[in-house]
PDB file of N, CA and C in Angstrom:
ATOM      1  N   UNK A   1     -38.913 147.031  18.211  1.00  0.00           N
ATOM      2  CA  UNK A   1     -37.800 147.815  18.691  1.00  0.00           C
ATOM      3  C   UNK A   1     -38.275 148.658  19.865  1.00  0.00           C
ATOM      4  N   UNK A   2     -37.363 149.034  20.720  1.00  0.00           N
ATOM      5  CA  UNK A   2     -37.679 149.839  21.898  1.00  0.00           C
ATOM      6  C   UNK A   2     -37.263 151.292  21.639  1.00  0.00           C
ATOM      7  N   UNK A   3     -38.208 152.196  21.902  1.00  0.00           N
ATOM      8  CA  UNK A   3     -37.987 153.627  21.716  1.00  0.00           C
ATOM      9  C   UNK A   3     -38.504 154.343  22.965  1.00  0.00           C
ATOM     10  N   UNK A   4     -37.780 155.338  23.434  1.00  0.00           N
ATOM     11  CA  UNK A   4     -38.228 156.132  24.585  1.00  0.00           C
ATOM     12  C   UNK A   4     -38.984 157.343  24.045  1.00  0.00           C
ATOM     13  N   UNK A   5     -40.271 157.430  24.386  1.00  0.00           N
ATOM     14  CA  UNK A   5     -41.123 158.515  23.925  1.00  0.00           C
ATOM     15  C   UNK A   5     -41.576 159.317  25.136  1.00  0.00           C
ATOM     16  N   UNK A   6     -41.190 160.594  25.164  1.00  0.00           N
ATOM     17  CA  UNK A   6     -41.531 161.486  26.279  1.00  0.00           C
ATOM     18  C   UNK A   6     -41.215 160.831  27.627  1.00  0.00           C
ATOM     19  N   UNK A   7     -40.060 160.178  27.690  1.00  0.00           N
ATOM     20  CA  UNK A   7     -39.591 159.599  28.936  1.00  0.00           C
ATOM     21  C   UNK A   7     -40.127 158.216  29.252  1.00  0.00           C
ATOM     22  N   UNK A   8     -40.923 157.640  28.372  1.00  0.00           N
ATOM     23  CA  UNK A   8     -41.529 156.326  28.597  1.00  0.00           C
ATOM     24  C   UNK A   8     -41.050 155.348  27.529  1.00  0.00           C
ATOM     25  N   UNK A   9     -40.556 154.184  27.936  1.00  0.00           N
ATOM     26  CA  UNK A   9     -40.128 153.170  26.973  1.00  0.00           C
ATOM     27  C   UNK A   9     -41.346 152.541  26.317  1.00  0.00           C
ATOM     28  N   UNK A  10     -41.300 152.461  24.993  1.00  0.00           N
ATOM     29  CA  UNK A  10     -42.396 151.882  24.215  1.00  0.00           C
ATOM     30  C   UNK A  10     -41.824 150.925  23.185  1.00  0.00           C
ATOM     31  N   UNK A  11     -42.629 149.939  22.800  1.00  0.00           N
ATOM     32  CA  UNK A  11     -42.251 148.993  21.754  1.00  0.00           C
ATOM     33  C   UNK A  11     -42.953 149.371  20.459  1.00  0.00           C
ATOM     34  N   UNK A  12     -42.203 149.352  19.359  1.00  0.00           N
ATOM     35  CA  UNK A  12     -42.749 149.618  18.039  1.00  0.00           C
ATOM     36  C   UNK A  12     -42.235 148.573  17.065  1.00  0.00           C
ATOM     37  N   UNK A  13     -42.962 148.368  15.983  1.00  0.00           N
ATOM     38  CA  UNK A  13     -42.548 147.447  14.929  1.00  0.00           C
ATOM     39  C   UNK A  13     -41.253 147.945  14.292  1.00  0.00           C
ATOM     40  N   UNK A  14     -40.494 147.047  13.731  1.00  0.00           N
ATOM     41  CA  UNK A  14     -39.214 147.400  13.109  1.00  0.00           C
ATOM     42  C   UNK A  14     -39.353 148.451  12.015  1.00  0.00           C
ATOM     43  N   UNK A  15     -40.472 148.465  11.310  1.00  0.00           N
ATOM     44  CA  UNK A  15     -40.662 149.406  10.199  1.00  0.00           C
ATOM     45  C   UNK A  15     -41.381 150.683  10.627  1.00  0.00           C
ATOM     46  N   UNK A  16     -41.524 150.926  11.919  1.00  0.00           N
ATOM     47  CA  UNK A  16     -42.285 152.086  12.416  1.00  0.00           C
ATOM     48  C   UNK A  16     -41.594 153.402  12.062  1.00  0.00           C
ATOM     49  N   UNK A  17     -42.430 154.425  11.899  1.00  0.00           N
ATOM     50  CA  UNK A  17     -41.941 155.768  11.578  1.00  0.00           C
ATOM     51  C   UNK A  17     -42.339 156.737  12.688  1.00  0.00           C
ATOM     52  N   UNK A  18     -41.857 157.957  12.564  1.00  0.00           N
ATOM     53  CA  UNK A  18     -42.240 159.008  13.506  1.00  0.00           C
ATOM     54  C   UNK A  18     -43.757 159.170  13.507  1.00  0.00           C
ATOM     55  N   UNK A  19     -44.387 159.085  12.364  1.00  0.00           N
ATOM     56  CA  UNK A  19     -45.847 159.215  12.275  1.00  0.00           C
ATOM     57  C   UNK A  19     -46.542 158.141  13.109  1.00  0.00           C
ATOM     58  N   UNK A  20     -45.982 156.949  13.179  1.00  0.00           N
ATOM     59  CA  UNK A  20     -46.576 155.867  13.970  1.00  0.00           C
ATOM     60  C   UNK A  20     -46.564 156.193  15.463  1.00  0.00           C
ATOM     61  N   UNK A  21     -45.564 156.915  15.917  1.00  0.00           N
ATOM     62  CA  UNK A  21     -45.514 157.338  17.320  1.00  0.00           C
ATOM     63  C   UNK A  21     -46.703 158.253  17.602  1.00  0.00           C
ATOM     64  N   UNK A  22     -46.960 159.178  16.713  1.00  0.00           N
ATOM     65  CA  UNK A  22     -48.046 160.127  16.917  1.00  0.00           C
ATOM     66  C   UNK A  22     -49.398 159.429  16.935  1.00  0.00           C
ATOM     67  N   UNK A  23     -49.574 158.448  16.071  1.00  0.00           N
ATOM     68  CA  UNK A  23     -50.820 157.674  16.054  1.00  0.00           C
ATOM     69  C   UNK A  23     -50.969 156.900  17.360  1.00  0.00           C
ATOM     70  N   UNK A  24     -49.899 156.285  17.829  1.00  0.00           N
ATOM     71  CA  UNK A  24     -49.941 155.492  19.056  1.00  0.00           C
ATOM     72  C   UNK A  24     -50.338 156.331  20.266  1.00  0.00           C
ATOM     73  N   UNK A  25     -49.968 157.593  20.260  1.00  0.00           N
ATOM     74  CA  UNK A  25     -50.278 158.467  21.380  1.00  0.00           C
ATOM     75  C   UNK A  25     -51.542 159.291  21.164  1.00  0.00           C
ATOM     76  N   UNK A  26     -52.203 159.137  20.011  1.00  0.00           N
ATOM     77  CA  UNK A  26     -53.409 159.903  19.735  1.00  0.00           C
ATOM     78  C   UNK A  26     -53.156 161.394  19.679  1.00  0.00           C
ATOM     79  N   UNK A  27     -52.001 161.753  19.154  1.00  0.00           N
ATOM     80  CA  UNK A  27     -51.586 163.152  19.094  1.00  0.00           C
ATOM     81  C   UNK A  27     -52.439 163.916  18.086  1.00  0.00           C
ATOM     82  N   UNK A  28     -52.847 165.140  18.416  1.00  0.00           N
ATOM     83  CA  UNK A  28     -53.642 165.942  17.470  1.00  0.00           C
ATOM     84  C   UNK A  28     -52.857 166.249  16.198  1.00  0.00           C
ATOM     85  N   UNK A  29     -53.588 166.552  15.132  1.00  0.00           N
ATOM     86  CA  UNK A  29     -52.952 166.797  13.836  1.00  0.00           C
ATOM     87  C   UNK A  29     -52.258 168.148  13.753  1.00  0.00           C
ATOM     88  N   UNK A  30     -52.629 169.098  14.592  1.00  0.00           N
ATOM     89  CA  UNK A  30     -52.049 170.439  14.528  1.00  0.00           C
ATOM     90  C   UNK A  30     -51.394 170.789  15.861  1.00  0.00           C
ATOM     91  N   UNK A  31     -50.464 171.733  15.808  1.00  0.00           N
ATOM     92  CA  UNK A  31     -49.833 172.221  17.023  1.00  0.00           C
ATOM     93  C   UNK A  31     -48.876 171.235  17.655  1.00  0.00           C
ATOM     94  N   UNK A  32     -48.199 170.449  16.829  1.00  0.00           N
ATOM     95  CA  UNK A  32     -47.307 169.407  17.332  1.00  0.00           C
ATOM     96  C   UNK A  32     -45.910 169.580  16.741  1.00  0.00           C
ATOM     97  N   UNK A  33     -44.899 169.341  17.564  1.00  0.00           N
ATOM     98  CA  UNK A  33     -43.506 169.316  17.105  1.00  0.00           C
ATOM     99  C   UNK A  33     -42.895 168.012  17.601  1.00  0.00           C
ATOM    100  N   UNK A  34     -41.963 167.471  16.816  1.00  0.00           N
ATOM    101  CA  UNK A  34     -41.322 166.203  17.162  1.00  0.00           C
ATOM    102  C   UNK A  34     -39.808 166.348  17.032  1.00  0.00           C
ATOM    103  N   UNK A  35     -39.107 165.799  18.010  1.00  0.00           N
ATOM    104  CA  UNK A  35     -37.644 165.723  17.949  1.00  0.00           C
ATOM    105  C   UNK A  35     -37.243 164.274  18.196  1.00  0.00           C
ATOM    106  N   UNK A  36     -36.245 163.812  17.463  1.00  0.00           N
ATOM    107  CA  UNK A  36     -35.698 162.467  17.676  1.00  0.00           C
ATOM    108  C   UNK A  36     -34.211 162.616  17.941  1.00  0.00           C
ATOM    109  N   UNK A  37     -33.790 162.114  19.079  1.00  0.00           N
ATOM    110  CA  UNK A  37     -32.396 162.217  19.515  1.00  0.00           C
ATOM    111  C   UNK A  37     -31.888 163.654  19.455  1.00  0.00           C
ATOM    112  N   UNK A  38     -32.768 164.579  19.849  1.00  0.00           N
ATOM    113  CA  UNK A  38     -32.385 165.985  19.945  1.00  0.00           C
ATOM    114  C   UNK A  38     -32.504 166.784  18.668  1.00  0.00           C
ATOM    115  N   UNK A  39     -32.846 166.139  17.561  1.00  0.00           N
ATOM    116  CA  UNK A  39     -32.983 166.846  16.285  1.00  0.00           C
ATOM    117  C   UNK A  39     -34.460 166.970  15.915  1.00  0.00           C
ATOM    118  N   UNK A  40     -34.884 168.175  15.542  1.00  0.00           N
ATOM    119  CA  UNK A  40     -36.264 168.384  15.117  1.00  0.00           C
ATOM    120  C   UNK A  40     -36.522 167.597  13.836  1.00  0.00           C
ATOM    121  N   UNK A  41     -37.686 166.934  13.794  1.00  0.00           N
ATOM    122  CA  UNK A  41     -38.100 166.199  12.604  1.00  0.00           C
ATOM    123  C   UNK A  41     -39.204 167.013  11.938  1.00  0.00           C
ATOM    124  N   UNK A  42     -38.942 167.563  10.755  1.00  0.00           N
ATOM    125  CA  UNK A  42     -39.956 168.378  10.082  1.00  0.00           C
ATOM    126  C   UNK A  42     -41.226 167.579   9.782  1.00  0.00           C
ATOM    127  N   UNK A  43     -42.365 168.232   9.917  1.00  0.00           N
ATOM    128  CA  UNK A  43     -43.663 167.584   9.703  1.00  0.00           C
ATOM    129  C   UNK A  43     -43.735 166.865   8.349  1.00  0.00           C
ATOM    130  N   UNK A  44     -43.161 167.435   7.331  1.00  0.00           N
ATOM    131  CA  UNK A  44     -43.244 166.859   5.986  1.00  0.00           C
ATOM    132  C   UNK A  44     -42.561 165.512   5.829  1.00  0.00           C
ATOM    133  N   UNK A  45     -41.732 165.117   6.794  1.00  0.00           N
ATOM    134  CA  UNK A  45     -41.033 163.832   6.664  1.00  0.00           C
ATOM    135  C   UNK A  45     -41.384 162.851   7.782  1.00  0.00           C
ATOM    136  N   UNK A  46     -42.427 163.133   8.564  1.00  0.00           N
ATOM    137  CA  UNK A  46     -42.806 162.217   9.638  1.00  0.00           C
ATOM    138  C   UNK A  46     -43.130 160.826   9.106  1.00  0.00           C
ATOM    139  N   UNK A  47     -43.833 160.758   7.965  1.00  0.00           N
ATOM    140  CA  UNK A  47     -44.221 159.464   7.386  1.00  0.00           C
ATOM    141  C   UNK A  47     -43.019 158.670   6.884  1.00  0.00           C
ATOM    142  N   UNK A  48     -41.976 159.363   6.476  1.00  0.00           N
ATOM    143  CA  UNK A  48     -40.837 158.672   5.867  1.00  0.00           C
ATOM    144  C   UNK A  48     -39.618 158.577   6.786  1.00  0.00           C
ATOM    145  N   UNK A  49     -39.730 159.060   8.025  1.00  0.00           N
ATOM    146  CA  UNK A  49     -38.592 159.014   8.944  1.00  0.00           C
ATOM    147  C   UNK A  49     -38.710 157.785   9.841  1.00  0.00           C
ATOM    148  N   UNK A  50     -37.846 156.790   9.627  1.00  0.00           N
ATOM    149  CA  UNK A  50     -37.937 155.569  10.443  1.00  0.00           C
ATOM    150  C   UNK A  50     -37.427 155.812  11.862  1.00  0.00           C
ATOM    151  N   UNK A  51     -38.044 155.104  12.787  1.00  0.00           N
ATOM    152  CA  UNK A  51     -37.529 155.113  14.154  1.00  0.00           C
ATOM    153  C   UNK A  51     -36.261 154.282  14.206  1.00  0.00           C
ATOM    154  N   UNK A  52     -35.430 154.557  15.189  1.00  0.00           N
ATOM    155  CA  UNK A  52     -34.209 153.769  15.404  1.00  0.00           C
ATOM    156  C   UNK A  52     -34.309 153.112  16.768  1.00  0.00           C
ATOM    157  N   UNK A  53     -33.894 151.867  16.853  1.00  0.00           N
ATOM    158  CA  UNK A  53     -33.908 151.171  18.134  1.00  0.00           C
ATOM    159  C   UNK A  53     -33.078 151.966  19.136  1.00  0.00           C
ATOM    160  N   UNK A  54     -33.654 152.221  20.298  1.00  0.00           N
ATOM    161  CA  UNK A  54     -32.964 152.976  21.342  1.00  0.00           C
ATOM    162  C   UNK A  54     -33.081 154.479  21.211  1.00  0.00           C
ATOM    163  N   UNK A  55     -33.805 154.955  20.197  1.00  0.00           N
ATOM    164  CA  UNK A  55     -33.951 156.402  19.996  1.00  0.00           C
ATOM    165  C   UNK A  55     -34.773 157.025  21.115  1.00  0.00           C
ATOM    166  N   UNK A  56     -34.568 158.319  21.301  1.00  0.00           N
ATOM    167  CA  UNK A  56     -35.369 159.109  22.222  1.00  0.00           C
ATOM    168  C   UNK A  56     -36.189 160.088  21.397  1.00  0.00           C
ATOM    169  N   UNK A  57     -37.505 159.986  21.528  1.00  0.00           N
ATOM    170  CA  UNK A  57     -38.415 160.840  20.777  1.00  0.00           C
ATOM    171  C   UNK A  57     -39.172 161.728  21.765  1.00  0.00           C
ATOM    172  N   UNK A  58     -39.217 163.011  21.465  1.00  0.00           N
ATOM    173  CA  UNK A  58     -39.995 163.959  22.265  1.00  0.00           C
ATOM    174  C   UNK A  58     -41.100 164.515  21.381  1.00  0.00           C
ATOM    175  N   UNK A  59     -42.332 164.401  21.866  1.00  0.00           N
ATOM    176  CA  UNK A  59     -43.495 164.937  21.166  1.00  0.00           C
ATOM    177  C   UNK A  59     -44.015 166.093  22.006  1.00  0.00           C
ATOM    178  N   UNK A  60     -44.038 167.264  21.405  1.00  0.00           N
ATOM    179  CA  UNK A  60     -44.472 168.465  22.095  1.00  0.00           C
ATOM    180  C   UNK A  60     -45.737 169.008  21.462  1.00  0.00           C
ATOM    181  N   UNK A  61     -46.693 169.378  22.286  1.00  0.00           N
ATOM    182  CA  UNK A  61     -47.919 169.980  21.762  1.00  0.00           C
ATOM    183  C   UNK A  61     -48.026 171.401  22.288  1.00  0.00           C
ATOM    184  N   UNK A  62     -48.511 172.273  21.436  1.00  0.00           N
ATOM    185  CA  UNK A  62     -48.684 173.667  21.818  1.00  0.00           C
ATOM    186  C   UNK A  62     -49.846 173.770  22.800  1.00  0.00           C
ATOM    187  N   UNK A  63     -49.657 174.586  23.824  1.00  0.00           N
ATOM    188  CA  UNK A  63     -50.704 174.816  24.812  1.00  0.00           C
ATOM    189  C   UNK A  63     -51.001 176.304  24.835  1.00  0.00           C
ATOM    190  N   UNK A  64     -52.269 176.626  24.716  1.00  0.00           N
ATOM    191  CA  UNK A  64     -52.676 178.013  24.695  1.00  0.00           C
ATOM    192  C   UNK A  64     -52.989 178.475  26.123  1.00  0.00           C
ATOM    193  N   UNK A  65     -52.638 179.657  26.411  1.00  0.00           N
ATOM    194  CA  UNK A  65     -52.948 180.173  27.742  1.00  0.00           C
ATOM    195  C   UNK A  65     -52.192 181.456  28.003  1.00  0.00           C
ATOM    196  N   UNK A  66     -52.317 181.931  29.204  1.00  0.00           N
ATOM    197  CA  UNK A  66     -51.627 183.181  29.462  1.00  0.00           C
ATOM    198  C   UNK A  66     -51.449 183.460  30.915  1.00  0.00           C
TER     199      UNK A  66
END
């Protein structure tokens, strides 16, 4: 299936989850937030939240600075 992740079209398996997106991008385990089609996906359900064909996923990482 095709999913747009942070503005880039990517292909994922039909059974892929939000957690699979994070693995594909090598996202760190902490300081991360995910939204799918504009809705925040809580960390506790990343493994069980399936991707949808044509979905837009935004992965945000916290950046420290000042």
